[in-house]
Amino acid sequence: MDKPLSSILGAAVRTARVHAGLTQEDVAERIGMASEVYGRMERGQMLPRVENLRRLCLVLNVPPHELLGLESPDGGKGDLPREEGRSRSEDSADMRRLQRRLRRLNATQVKLLSLIAGAMLNKGRHGKTRRKAASRESE
C-alpha cells in the first residue's frame, strides 16, 4: 500500500529543513504557522494549506514536486527563487534565537539594546585602535 501524502510530505519537509540548518520554530515562524502545528505536519499528521505549501517551498528552497514525492517533468530539480536577501540558513542558531527575542520587545527596549550594542561595538573599535597605538609606541 502507498504511503499517505501527509507522511511523504512530512518526511520531505523535515529532510529539507535539516539540510537548510533550520529549526522547526524557524520554519514555522517564516511561513506564519504555529510551531506545534508545523511539528504535526513534519510528523505526517496533517497536510498544509496550499498557501503554506508555497511558503514552505520558498523558505526551504525546494520545488513542490519534491515535497509531494513526485518526479520533476524534466527529470531534474526545479528552480525556485530564494528568499530575498541572504540565505537564512547562513544565520547561526544563536542569531536566529536573538532575532526571535528581539521581535518580542517593545520600541523602548529595542532602542536601549541598540544603544548597548553600539557602545559595545565602539568599545571594540577603540580597544583595537589603542592596542595598535601602544604597539607602535613600544617599537
Protein backbone atom coordinates (compact mmCIF):
# COMPACT_ATOMS: atom_id res chain seq x y z
CA MET A 1 0.00 0.00 0.00
CA ASP A 2 1.20 3.55 -0.80
CA LYS A 3 2.30 5.88 1.95
CA PRO A 4 -0.16 8.66 2.75
CA LEU A 5 0.68 12.02 1.20
CA SER A 6 0.95 13.59 4.66
CA SER A 7 3.77 11.14 5.56
CA ILE A 8 5.61 11.73 2.29
CA LEU A 9 5.35 15.50 2.65
CA GLY A 10 6.30 15.42 6.34
CA ALA A 11 9.47 13.41 5.71
CA ALA A 12 10.46 15.60 2.75
CA VAL A 13 9.89 18.82 4.70
CA ARG A 14 11.93 17.54 7.65
CA THR A 15 14.80 16.49 5.36
CA ALA A 16 14.81 19.87 3.61
CA ARG A 17 14.63 21.77 6.93
CA VAL A 18 17.54 19.83 8.43
CA HIS A 19 19.54 20.29 5.21
CA ALA A 20 18.90 24.06 5.42
CA GLY A 21 20.13 24.10 9.03
CA LEU A 22 16.85 25.44 10.39
CA THR A 23 14.82 24.53 13.45
CA GLN A 24 11.11 23.72 13.36
CA GLU A 25 10.48 27.05 15.10
CA ASP A 26 12.48 28.92 12.42
CA VAL A 27 10.45 27.46 9.56
CA ALA A 28 7.12 27.80 11.36
CA GLU A 29 7.81 31.47 12.05
CA ARG A 30 8.81 32.18 8.44
CA ILE A 31 5.69 30.60 6.98
CA GLY A 32 3.37 32.09 9.62
CA MET A 33 2.39 28.86 11.33
CA ALA A 34 2.42 27.86 15.00
CA SER A 35 5.45 25.67 15.72
CA GLU A 36 3.19 22.97 17.24
CA VAL A 37 1.18 22.79 14.02
CA TYR A 38 4.37 22.71 11.95
CA GLY A 39 5.63 19.80 14.09
CA ARG A 40 2.43 17.85 13.38
CA MET A 41 2.95 18.43 9.67
CA GLU A 42 6.54 17.11 9.84
CA ARG A 43 5.30 14.02 11.69
CA GLY A 44 2.89 13.35 8.82
CA GLN A 45 -0.22 14.00 10.89
CA MET A 46 -1.59 16.77 8.68
CA LEU A 47 -1.25 18.47 5.31
CA PRO A 48 -0.57 22.22 4.96
CA ARG A 49 -2.88 24.63 3.19
CA VAL A 50 -1.78 25.44 -0.36
CA GLU A 51 -0.54 28.90 0.72
CA ASN A 52 1.65 27.32 3.41
CA LEU A 53 2.96 24.70 0.98
CA ARG A 54 4.08 27.51 -1.33
CA ARG A 55 5.76 29.33 1.57
CA LEU A 56 7.49 26.10 2.61
CA CYS A 57 8.87 25.67 -0.89
CA LEU A 58 10.24 29.23 -0.87
CA VAL A 59 11.69 29.12 2.66
CA LEU A 60 13.29 25.69 2.20
CA ASN A 61 14.23 26.34 -1.45
CA VAL A 62 12.67 23.04 -2.50
CA PRO A 63 10.39 22.60 -5.53
CA PRO A 64 6.83 21.47 -4.75
CA HIS A 65 7.17 18.23 -6.72
CA GLU A 66 9.98 17.20 -4.39
CA LEU A 67 7.92 17.83 -1.25
CA LEU A 68 4.98 15.96 -2.74
CA GLY A 69 7.09 12.94 -3.72
CA LEU A 70 6.63 13.49 -7.46
CA GLU A 71 9.27 13.41 -10.16
CA SER A 72 10.19 16.59 -11.99
CA PRO A 73 8.77 16.81 -15.52
CA ASP A 74 12.29 17.35 -16.87
CA GLY A 75 13.79 14.61 -14.71
CA GLY A 76 15.73 17.12 -12.60
CA LYS A 77 15.10 19.55 -9.82
CA GLY A 78 13.02 22.62 -10.48
CA ASP A 79 14.35 26.06 -9.66
CA LEU A 80 12.60 28.25 -7.13
CA PRO A 81 13.53 31.80 -6.21
CA ARG A 82 15.33 32.12 -2.89
CA GLU A 83 14.04 34.37 -0.17
CA GLU A 84 15.12 37.94 -0.78
CA GLY A 85 18.39 38.91 0.84
CA ARG A 86 20.94 36.47 2.14
CA SER A 87 20.10 32.89 2.83
CA ARG A 88 18.52 32.47 6.25
CA SER A 89 20.23 29.14 6.70
CA GLU A 90 23.51 31.05 6.92
CA ASP A 91 22.41 32.58 10.24
CA SER A 92 23.60 30.76 13.32
CA ALA A 93 21.08 29.26 15.71
CA ASP A 94 22.10 31.86 18.32
CA MET A 95 21.45 34.69 15.86
CA ARG A 96 18.02 33.32 14.95
CA ARG A 97 17.15 32.92 18.64
CA LEU A 98 18.24 36.51 19.32
CA GLN A 99 16.14 37.78 16.40
CA ARG A 100 13.06 35.97 17.71
CA ARG A 101 13.57 37.53 21.14
CA LEU A 102 14.12 40.99 19.70
CA ARG A 103 10.78 40.80 17.87
CA ARG A 104 9.01 40.44 21.24
CA LEU A 105 10.49 43.65 22.70
CA ASN A 106 8.72 47.00 22.70
CA ALA A 107 10.21 50.05 20.92
CA THR A 108 11.89 51.42 24.07
CA GLN A 109 13.55 48.09 24.84
CA VAL A 110 14.80 47.76 21.26
CA LYS A 111 16.25 51.29 21.35
CA LEU A 112 18.03 50.55 24.64
CA LEU A 113 19.51 47.32 23.27
CA SER A 114 20.60 49.15 20.12
CA LEU A 115 22.43 51.73 22.23
CA ILE A 116 24.12 48.98 24.25
CA ALA A 117 25.16 47.13 21.07
CA GLY A 118 26.52 50.38 19.59
CA ALA A 119 28.52 51.04 22.74
CA MET A 120 29.91 47.52 22.65
CA LEU A 121 30.96 47.94 19.02
CA ASN A 122 32.54 51.32 19.68
CA LYS A 123 34.45 49.98 22.67
CA GLY A 124 35.76 47.13 20.50
CA ARG A 125 36.93 49.58 17.81
CA HIS A 126 38.58 51.91 20.32
CA GLY A 127 40.27 48.97 22.02
CA LYS A 128 41.83 47.89 18.71
CA THR A 129 42.97 51.45 18.00
CA ARG A 130 44.54 51.75 21.45
CA ARG A 131 46.32 48.40 21.07
CA LYS A 132 47.74 49.43 17.68
CA ALA A 133 48.94 52.77 19.08
CA ALA A 134 50.53 51.04 22.09
CA SER A 135 52.35 48.55 19.87
CA ARG A 136 53.69 51.40 17.70
CA GLU A 137 54.95 53.24 20.80
CA SER A 138 56.79 50.17 22.05
CA GLU A 139 58.67 49.78 18.73
